[in-house]
């Protein structure tokens, strides 16, 4: 008689990872280096330290060290919300009538409601260790801003957050949470920076983008003594910190003698996707296993599926370094969709390289289709997902339905990156039948190409 796999598989506290896994160390084709916008040459560490913390610059440029020790102070904070649970989605399987076995790694069991705290704690710690006076950042849906506000409060650092104006207006309670943790929050683009004023002059009334907010946050950091800028996605260092997601997921699956045939994650800038797939992609690179890796992005901001693999600025005002990535163009501003955390014009250079090399797949989905998956999942599993996470749910459901058609009992793992309790206006629109799908035309995308 077989033993039923528990609904929740939770590792003991002593299994919180003590090292981050650096996927770049095992990649044959490394992510292309960041380039100076002034010279076009690869950036050296000393050129990045005016913007970023010194230790984070070392992590950003490290292509060779496979495992990097997690400081004890960071591990101690991790233990307040990690290990995060791995769930077997029995009720979703039943609702879909699929032979597939579906698992999801749930990162919403902390006050920020998302995976973002994994990197926020690390970045705030290194900033405090360096003796900085404060930090600046951007946020889309508000999860990163909340997480960093929590981490900065813990380490006693002031924080200024530039929040994408579309999300700022959609989510007043998310703003309040960020302010409760002591951070200053500004709707972007704003009139508080040269970058913001320039964007507003060109596009009055714009709802903004992550690229706009990054421009403002970087400007604020480099013009304020003792401040540095930190980013919640895209960069190598962030994907490094998020590897704790995949490391825990893989170990939890080993406890029940399972291994995924398919790993599915939502894709915006790449932080949660990169973290979830890291150890499974390692197996793929080293020839130990061959799981399919599927990125699911919004059809309104389809950087992988419709972008170009070229060097581009990471921000709208073109003051950041150039990164080689799949991009829609740094001037691209998506429609006011509800996937606030997936509104970045480009994809992580690391993930872009893996996708370019054929090691992972990408699909895009319309937001009405995504919210249909979120509603089904909520009814089945009793967790209200964030719109960003719902893209991964959509991808996992599609995979499970394909198994129903073929009769294959595949093992599917997806990342549930956070909760959607601050996204009720979006759910209200979906349930009321007023939600629409905004998909850019080819002509519109060509207008943003550099």
Protein backbone atom coordinates (compact mmCIF):
# COMPACT_ATOMS: atom_id res chain seq x y z
CA UNK A 1 0.00 0.00 0.00
CA UNK A 2 1.50 3.36 -1.06
CA UNK A 3 1.89 6.17 1.44
CA UNK A 4 -0.07 9.32 0.59
CA UNK A 5 2.14 12.36 0.07
CA UNK A 6 1.24 15.11 2.60
CA UNK A 7 -0.62 18.19 1.37
CA UNK A 8 2.21 20.31 2.79
CA UNK A 9 5.85 19.28 2.90
CA UNK A 10 7.76 21.51 5.30
CA UNK A 11 11.48 21.09 5.85
CA UNK A 12 12.80 21.39 9.42
CA UNK A 13 14.23 24.76 10.44
CA UNK A 14 17.80 23.48 10.28
CA UNK A 15 17.28 22.92 6.55
CA UNK A 16 17.17 26.65 5.77
CA UNK A 17 19.90 26.97 3.09
CA UNK A 18 23.25 28.13 4.40
CA UNK A 19 24.55 28.97 0.92
CA UNK A 20 23.08 30.62 -2.15
CA UNK A 21 23.56 28.78 -5.44
CA UNK A 22 25.15 30.78 -8.26
CA UNK A 23 23.73 29.27 -11.45
CA UNK A 24 26.15 31.25 -13.62
CA UNK A 25 29.04 29.10 -12.39
CA UNK A 26 27.62 26.10 -14.28
CA UNK A 27 26.53 27.95 -17.43
CA UNK A 28 28.64 27.34 -20.54
CA UNK A 29 27.52 30.63 -22.06
CA UNK A 30 27.62 33.22 -19.27
CA UNK A 31 25.34 36.25 -19.23
CA UNK A 32 26.92 39.06 -21.23
CA UNK A 33 28.60 41.75 -19.09
CA UNK A 34 26.95 45.05 -18.26
CA UNK A 35 28.24 47.87 -20.46
CA UNK A 36 29.00 51.48 -19.62
CA UNK A 37 26.58 53.85 -21.38
CA UNK A 38 29.45 56.32 -21.74
CA UNK A 39 32.17 54.08 -23.22
CA UNK A 40 30.37 50.93 -24.38
CA UNK A 41 32.98 48.87 -22.48
CA UNK A 42 32.29 46.15 -19.92
CA UNK A 43 31.79 47.71 -16.50
CA UNK A 44 34.36 47.09 -13.79
CA UNK A 45 33.53 46.79 -10.10
CA UNK A 46 34.74 50.30 -9.32
CA UNK A 47 32.29 51.70 -11.88
CA UNK A 48 29.33 49.96 -10.21
CA UNK A 49 30.11 50.83 -6.58
CA UNK A 50 28.88 54.45 -6.87
CA UNK A 51 25.39 52.98 -7.35
CA UNK A 52 25.42 49.57 -5.60
CA UNK A 53 26.75 48.18 -2.31
CA UNK A 54 30.28 46.81 -2.55
CA UNK A 55 29.45 43.22 -1.56
CA UNK A 56 26.50 43.15 -3.96
CA UNK A 57 28.78 44.30 -6.79
CA UNK A 58 31.06 41.33 -6.07
CA UNK A 59 28.08 39.00 -6.26
CA UNK A 60 26.83 40.67 -9.43
CA UNK A 61 30.11 40.05 -11.25
CA UNK A 62 30.89 36.55 -9.91
CA UNK A 63 30.54 34.02 -12.73
CA UNK A 64 32.67 31.28 -11.19
CA UNK A 65 31.79 30.61 -7.53
CA UNK A 66 29.02 27.98 -7.43
CA UNK A 67 28.02 28.45 -3.79
CA UNK A 68 28.22 31.64 -1.74
CA UNK A 69 27.82 31.58 2.05
CA UNK A 70 24.73 33.27 3.48
CA UNK A 71 25.74 35.52 6.42
CA UNK A 72 24.48 34.29 9.80
CA UNK A 73 22.51 37.51 10.35
CA UNK A 74 20.63 36.87 7.10
CA UNK A 75 20.07 33.21 8.00
CA UNK A 76 18.67 34.31 11.35
CA UNK A 77 16.11 36.55 9.63
CA UNK A 78 15.32 33.79 7.11
CA UNK A 79 14.37 31.49 9.97
CA UNK A 80 11.42 33.75 10.84
CA UNK A 81 9.69 32.70 7.61
CA UNK A 82 11.74 29.90 6.08
CA UNK A 83 11.73 27.10 5.11
CA UNK A 84 8.67 27.94 3.01
CA UNK A 85 6.22 25.08 2.40
CA UNK A 86 5.91 22.91 -0.68
CA UNK A 87 2.28 21.97 -1.37
CA UNK A 88 0.81 19.04 -3.27
CA UNK A 89 -2.21 20.51 -5.08
CA UNK A 90 -4.54 17.54 -4.69
CA UNK A 91 -7.75 19.54 -4.98
CA UNK A 92 -6.57 21.35 -8.08
CA UNK A 93 -5.67 18.00 -9.63
CA UNK A 94 -9.18 16.77 -8.88
CA UNK A 95 -10.79 19.90 -10.29
CA UNK A 96 -8.84 19.46 -13.53
CA UNK A 97 -9.38 15.67 -13.60
CA UNK A 98 -5.74 15.28 -14.60
CA UNK A 99 -3.31 12.42 -14.02
CA UNK A 100 -0.57 15.02 -13.45
CA UNK A 101 0.87 15.47 -9.98
CA UNK A 102 1.02 19.20 -9.24
CA UNK A 103 3.24 20.82 -6.62
CA UNK A 104 3.69 24.48 -5.78
CA UNK A 105 6.29 26.29 -3.69
CA UNK A 106 4.46 28.91 -1.63
CA UNK A 107 6.45 32.06 -0.85
CA UNK A 108 3.58 34.13 0.59
CA UNK A 109 3.93 33.10 4.25
CA UNK A 110 5.47 36.37 5.42
CA UNK A 111 4.14 39.88 5.96
CA UNK A 112 5.38 41.15 2.60
CA UNK A 113 3.26 38.41 1.04
CA UNK A 114 5.91 37.35 -1.47
CA UNK A 115 9.31 35.87 -2.26
CA UNK A 116 10.87 39.33 -2.40
CA UNK A 117 11.96 39.22 1.24
CA UNK A 118 14.64 36.64 0.35
CA UNK A 119 16.71 39.28 -1.46
CA UNK A 120 15.55 42.32 0.51
CA UNK A 121 17.03 40.95 3.75
CA UNK A 122 20.35 40.22 2.07
CA UNK A 123 20.62 43.60 0.36
CA UNK A 124 19.66 45.57 3.48
CA UNK A 125 22.16 43.57 5.52
CA UNK A 126 25.06 44.32 3.15
CA UNK A 127 24.06 48.00 3.06
CA UNK A 128 24.07 48.20 6.85
CA UNK A 129 27.39 46.35 7.04
CA UNK A 130 28.90 48.91 4.65
CA UNK A 131 27.72 51.74 6.89
CA UNK A 132 25.31 53.37 4.45
CA UNK A 133 22.87 56.08 5.54
CA UNK A 134 19.92 54.83 3.46
CA UNK A 135 18.65 53.13 0.30
CA UNK A 136 16.44 53.87 -2.68
CA UNK A 137 14.49 51.46 -4.86
CA UNK A 138 11.54 51.04 -7.20
CA UNK A 139 8.52 48.76 -6.89
CA UNK A 140 5.84 47.62 -9.30
CA UNK A 141 3.06 45.72 -7.56
CA UNK A 142 4.45 46.79 -4.18
CA UNK A 143 5.72 43.44 -2.97
CA UNK A 144 9.37 44.39 -3.36
CA UNK A 145 8.80 47.78 -1.75
CA UNK A 146 7.08 46.13 1.20
CA UNK A 147 9.79 43.52 1.61
CA UNK A 148 12.61 46.07 1.46
CA UNK A 149 10.77 48.36 3.90
CA UNK A 150 10.58 45.43 6.33
CA UNK A 151 14.26 44.61 5.91
CA UNK A 152 15.38 48.24 6.20
CA UNK A 153 13.35 48.67 9.39
CA UNK A 154 15.02 45.57 10.82
CA UNK A 155 18.51 46.91 10.06
CA UNK A 156 17.69 50.56 10.88
CA UNK A 157 18.04 52.05 7.39
CA UNK A 158 15.88 54.84 5.87
CA UNK A 159 14.30 53.91 2.53
CA UNK A 160 12.75 55.83 -0.37
CA UNK A 161 10.50 53.82 -2.71
CA UNK A 162 9.40 54.94 -6.18
CA UNK A 163 6.23 52.98 -6.99
CA UNK A 164 4.90 52.59 -10.53
CA UNK A 165 2.03 55.11 -10.66
CA UNK A 166 -0.45 52.61 -12.11
CA UNK A 167 0.04 50.29 -9.14
CA UNK A 168 0.28 53.22 -6.70
CA UNK A 169 -3.26 54.22 -7.70
CA UNK A 170 -4.60 50.65 -7.86
CA UNK A 171 -3.25 49.61 -4.46
CA UNK A 172 -3.64 52.26 -1.75
CA UNK A 173 -3.37 49.70 1.05
CA UNK A 174 -0.08 48.36 -0.30
CA UNK A 175 1.20 51.95 -0.07
CA UNK A 176 0.02 52.09 3.54
CA UNK A 177 1.86 48.91 4.47
CA UNK A 178 5.11 50.26 3.01
CA UNK A 179 4.63 53.50 4.95
CA UNK A 180 3.82 51.56 8.12
CA UNK A 181 7.25 49.98 7.92
CA UNK A 182 8.76 53.46 7.81
CA UNK A 183 9.60 53.99 4.14
CA UNK A 184 8.86 57.08 2.08
CA UNK A 185 6.86 56.20 -1.04
CA UNK A 186 6.51 58.31 -4.20
CA UNK A 187 4.34 57.64 -7.28
CA UNK A 188 6.53 57.34 -10.39
CA UNK A 189 7.06 59.16 -12.64
CA UNK A 190 7.15 62.11 -10.27
CA UNK A 191 8.28 65.73 -10.25
CA UNK A 192 10.88 65.00 -7.55
CA UNK A 193 13.66 64.00 -9.97
CA UNK A 194 15.02 65.23 -13.29
CA UNK A 195 14.27 61.81 -14.79
CA UNK A 196 10.67 61.90 -13.62
CA UNK A 197 10.10 65.43 -14.85
CA UNK A 198 11.51 64.52 -18.25
CA UNK A 199 9.25 61.49 -18.59
CA UNK A 200 6.19 63.49 -17.55
CA UNK A 201 7.03 66.20 -20.09
CA UNK A 202 7.08 63.60 -22.88
CA UNK A 203 4.11 61.54 -21.62
CA UNK A 204 1.75 63.59 -19.46
CA UNK A 205 -0.65 61.38 -17.53
CA UNK A 206 1.38 58.19 -18.02
CA UNK A 207 0.79 55.36 -15.52
CA UNK A 208 4.54 54.70 -15.51
CA UNK A 209 6.63 51.55 -15.68
CA UNK A 210 9.37 49.84 -13.71
CA UNK A 211 11.85 51.44 -16.10
CA UNK A 212 10.60 54.90 -15.11
CA UNK A 213 10.74 54.09 -11.40
CA UNK A 214 14.28 52.69 -11.72
CA UNK A 215 15.44 55.93 -13.37
CA UNK A 216 14.12 57.98 -10.47
CA UNK A 217 15.47 55.67 -7.76
CA UNK A 218 18.96 55.58 -9.29
CA UNK A 219 19.03 59.38 -9.64
CA UNK A 220 17.94 59.81 -6.02
CA UNK A 221 20.64 57.40 -4.82
CA UNK A 222 23.57 58.94 -6.69
CA UNK A 223 22.58 62.48 -5.68
CA UNK A 224 22.11 61.71 -1.96
CA UNK A 225 25.21 61.35 0.19
CA UNK A 226 25.58 57.94 1.85
CA UNK A 227 22.77 56.34 -0.17
CA UNK A 228 22.87 53.44 -2.62
CA UNK A 229 20.31 51.92 -4.97
CA UNK A 230 19.01 48.36 -4.67
CA UNK A 231 16.91 46.40 -7.18
CA UNK A 232 14.30 43.69 -6.58
CA UNK A 233 14.74 41.70 -9.79
CA UNK A 234 16.67 41.36 -13.07
CA UNK A 235 20.23 41.51 -11.69
CA UNK A 236 22.43 38.45 -11.12
CA UNK A 237 22.75 39.18 -7.41
CA UNK A 238 18.95 39.06 -6.94
CA UNK A 239 18.58 35.72 -8.71
CA UNK A 240 21.42 34.45 -6.51
CA UNK A 241 19.54 35.34 -3.31
CA UNK A 242 16.30 33.86 -4.63
CA UNK A 243 17.98 30.48 -5.20
CA UNK A 244 16.79 29.54 -1.70
CA UNK A 245 13.36 28.95 -3.28
CA UNK A 246 14.58 26.26 -5.65
CA UNK A 247 17.03 24.72 -3.19
CA UNK A 248 14.23 24.19 -0.65
CA UNK A 249 11.79 22.99 -3.30
CA UNK A 250 14.19 20.38 -4.60
CA UNK A 251 15.03 19.07 -1.14
CA UNK A 252 11.34 18.92 -0.16
CA UNK A 253 10.51 16.97 -3.32
CA UNK A 254 13.33 14.54 -2.57
CA UNK A 255 11.66 13.81 0.80
CA UNK A 256 8.67 12.39 -1.07
CA UNK A 257 10.75 10.80 -3.85
CA UNK A 258 9.54 13.16 -6.58
CA UNK A 259 11.27 15.18 -9.29
CA UNK A 260 9.56 17.62 -11.68
CA UNK A 261 9.12 16.90 -15.34
CA UNK A 262 8.07 20.52 -15.80
CA UNK A 263 8.99 23.61 -13.75
CA UNK A 264 6.76 26.66 -14.34
CA UNK A 265 7.29 30.21 -13.11
CA UNK A 266 5.90 33.67 -13.82
CA UNK A 267 8.34 35.98 -15.57
CA UNK A 268 8.70 39.74 -15.30
CA UNK A 269 12.25 40.73 -14.44
CA UNK A 270 13.15 37.16 -13.51
CA UNK A 271 13.78 37.04 -9.75
CA UNK A 272 11.34 34.33 -8.66
CA UNK A 273 11.68 32.33 -11.88
CA UNK A 274 15.46 32.35 -11.62
CA UNK A 275 15.33 31.36 -7.98
CA UNK A 276 12.84 28.53 -8.47
CA UNK A 277 14.58 26.91 -11.44
CA UNK A 278 18.19 27.30 -10.23
CA UNK A 279 18.94 23.77 -8.91
CA UNK A 280 16.82 22.11 -11.60
CA UNK A 281 18.60 24.06 -14.32
CA UNK A 282 21.87 22.97 -12.70
CA UNK A 283 20.79 19.36 -13.19
CA UNK A 284 19.98 20.15 -16.82
CA UNK A 285 23.32 21.87 -17.44
CA UNK A 286 25.29 19.05 -15.81
CA UNK A 287 23.36 16.29 -17.60
CA UNK A 288 21.81 14.83 -14.44
CA UNK A 289 18.18 15.38 -15.51
CA UNK A 290 16.25 17.14 -18.26
CA UNK A 291 13.21 18.97 -16.85
CA UNK A 292 11.31 21.38 -19.06
CA UNK A 293 11.52 24.95 -17.77
CA UNK A 294 8.59 27.19 -18.75
CA UNK A 295 8.42 30.96 -18.20
CA UNK A 296 4.95 32.54 -18.30
CA UNK A 297 4.76 36.27 -18.99
CA UNK A 298 1.87 38.71 -19.50
CA UNK A 299 0.78 39.25 -23.09
CA UNK A 300 0.77 42.97 -22.27
CA UNK A 301 4.52 42.95 -21.54
CA UNK A 302 5.99 40.01 -23.53
CA UNK A 303 9.74 40.57 -23.36
CA UNK A 304 10.80 36.96 -23.99
CA UNK A 305 8.18 35.97 -26.53
CA UNK A 306 8.17 39.19 -28.56
CA UNK A 307 11.30 41.08 -27.53
CA UNK A 308 14.77 41.23 -29.09
CA UNK A 309 17.97 39.82 -27.58
CA UNK A 310 20.10 42.97 -27.63
CA UNK A 311 21.88 45.40 -25.34
CA UNK A 312 19.43 47.90 -23.84
CA UNK A 313 19.15 50.28 -20.92
CA UNK A 314 17.50 48.93 -17.78
CA UNK A 315 15.62 52.18 -17.23
CA UNK A 316 13.51 54.61 -19.22
CA UNK A 317 15.71 57.71 -18.79
CA UNK A 318 18.77 55.77 -20.03
CA UNK A 319 21.04 56.46 -17.08
CA UNK A 320 21.70 52.85 -16.02
CA UNK A 321 24.23 50.41 -17.51
CA UNK A 322 23.30 48.52 -20.67
CA UNK A 323 22.35 44.86 -20.25
CA UNK A 324 22.11 42.21 -22.96
CA UNK A 325 18.62 40.81 -22.54
CA UNK A 326 15.35 40.13 -24.25
CA UNK A 327 13.77 43.57 -24.30
CA UNK A 328 10.82 45.47 -25.72
CA UNK A 329 12.83 48.69 -25.64
CA UNK A 330 13.58 50.81 -22.59
CA UNK A 331 10.89 53.31 -23.58
CA UNK A 332 8.16 50.67 -23.55
CA UNK A 333 5.33 51.38 -21.11
CA UNK A 334 2.71 48.62 -20.91
CA UNK A 335 -0.99 49.25 -20.56
CA UNK A 336 -2.40 49.57 -17.06
CA UNK A 337 -2.72 45.82 -16.51
CA UNK A 338 -2.87 44.27 -13.06
CA UNK A 339 0.35 42.25 -13.23
CA UNK A 340 2.21 45.16 -11.65
CA UNK A 341 5.32 43.17 -10.80
CA UNK A 342 5.65 41.89 -14.38
CA UNK A 343 5.70 45.29 -16.09
CA UNK A 344 9.46 45.50 -16.81
CA UNK A 345 10.48 45.99 -20.43
CA UNK A 346 13.35 43.49 -20.24
CA UNK A 347 14.22 40.08 -18.83
CA UNK A 348 17.11 39.11 -16.56
CA UNK A 349 20.32 38.76 -18.64
CA UNK A 350 20.91 35.37 -17.00
CA UNK A 351 17.47 34.04 -17.97
CA UNK A 352 17.69 35.72 -21.37
CA UNK A 353 20.88 33.77 -22.09
CA UNK A 354 19.32 30.48 -20.98
CA UNK A 355 16.29 31.15 -23.18
CA UNK A 356 18.47 32.16 -26.13
CA UNK A 357 20.41 28.90 -25.73
CA UNK A 358 17.19 26.84 -25.85
CA UNK A 359 17.41 25.69 -22.23
CA UNK A 360 14.02 27.09 -21.28
CA UNK A 361 10.71 27.91 -22.95
CA UNK A 362 8.46 30.97 -22.75
CA UNK A 363 4.77 31.60 -23.29
CA UNK A 364 2.57 34.67 -22.80
CA UNK A 365 -1.00 34.78 -21.51
CA UNK A 366 -3.75 37.44 -21.49
CA UNK A 367 -4.80 38.74 -18.07
CA UNK A 368 -8.44 37.55 -18.33
CA UNK A 369 -7.13 34.04 -18.98
CA UNK A 370 -4.71 34.41 -16.08
CA UNK A 371 -7.41 35.56 -13.65
CA UNK A 372 -9.61 32.63 -14.69
CA UNK A 373 -6.78 30.35 -13.54
CA UNK A 374 -6.40 32.35 -10.32
CA UNK A 375 -10.10 31.97 -9.52
CA UNK A 376 -10.04 28.22 -10.17
CA UNK A 377 -6.93 27.80 -8.03
CA UNK A 378 -8.41 29.85 -5.19
CA UNK A 379 -11.54 27.69 -5.08
CA UNK A 380 -9.51 24.49 -5.15
CA UNK A 381 -6.59 25.29 -2.86
CA UNK A 382 -7.94 28.08 -0.63
CA UNK A 383 -5.14 30.56 -1.35
CA UNK A 384 -5.77 33.85 -3.16
CA UNK A 385 -2.77 34.33 -5.49
CA UNK A 386 -1.18 37.57 -6.59
CA UNK A 387 -1.79 38.41 -10.28
CA UNK A 388 1.91 37.80 -10.95
CA UNK A 389 1.75 34.32 -9.42
CA UNK A 390 -1.42 33.58 -11.36
CA UNK A 391 0.62 33.53 -14.56
CA UNK A 392 2.52 30.52 -13.23
CA UNK A 393 -0.78 28.93 -12.19
CA UNK A 394 -2.11 29.45 -15.73
CA UNK A 395 0.97 27.75 -17.15
CA UNK A 396 0.74 24.84 -14.70
CA UNK A 397 -2.96 24.33 -15.42
CA UNK A 398 -2.28 24.30 -19.15
CA UNK A 399 0.40 21.66 -18.62
CA UNK A 400 -1.96 19.59 -16.45
CA UNK A 401 -4.73 19.79 -19.04
CA UNK A 402 -2.28 18.60 -21.69
CA UNK A 403 -1.56 15.61 -19.45
CA UNK A 404 -5.30 14.96 -19.28
CA UNK A 405 -5.41 14.81 -23.07
CA UNK A 406 -2.34 12.59 -23.40
CA UNK A 407 -2.87 10.46 -20.30
CA UNK A 408 0.67 11.22 -19.08
CA UNK A 409 1.14 11.48 -15.31
CA UNK A 410 3.80 14.18 -15.33
CA UNK A 411 5.09 15.91 -12.20
CA UNK A 412 4.55 19.67 -12.44
CA UNK A 413 6.17 22.18 -10.07
CA UNK A 414 5.25 25.86 -10.11
CA UNK A 415 6.11 28.87 -8.00
CA UNK A 416 3.37 30.60 -6.05
CA UNK A 417 5.29 33.78 -5.41
CA UNK A 418 2.80 35.66 -3.29
CA UNK A 419 -0.71 36.45 -2.14
CA UNK A 420 -3.26 38.73 -3.81
CA UNK A 421 -5.03 40.37 -0.89
CA UNK A 422 -3.91 43.84 -2.02
CA UNK A 423 -5.16 43.13 -5.54
CA UNK A 424 -8.89 43.01 -4.88
CA UNK A 425 -9.67 45.79 -7.36
CA UNK A 426 -8.28 43.50 -10.06
CA UNK A 427 -10.34 40.55 -8.86
CA UNK A 428 -13.37 42.84 -8.69
CA UNK A 429 -12.88 43.80 -12.34
CA UNK A 430 -12.48 40.18 -13.37
CA UNK A 431 -15.55 39.02 -11.46
CA UNK A 432 -17.57 41.99 -12.72
CA UNK A 433 -16.71 41.30 -16.34
CA UNK A 434 -15.03 44.67 -16.90
CA UNK A 435 -11.44 43.39 -17.18
CA UNK A 436 -9.91 43.75 -20.64
CA UNK A 437 -6.78 42.46 -22.31
CA UNK A 438 -4.27 45.04 -23.52
CA UNK A 439 -1.87 43.48 -25.99
CA UNK A 440 0.60 45.70 -27.86
CA UNK A 441 0.59 45.51 -31.65
CA UNK A 442 3.73 44.75 -33.63
CA UNK A 443 3.73 48.36 -34.80
CA UNK A 444 3.59 49.63 -31.23
CA UNK A 445 6.49 47.39 -30.20
CA UNK A 446 8.59 48.49 -33.18
CA UNK A 447 8.14 52.12 -32.08
CA UNK A 448 10.09 51.38 -28.89
CA UNK A 449 13.03 49.60 -30.53
CA UNK A 450 16.34 51.34 -30.05
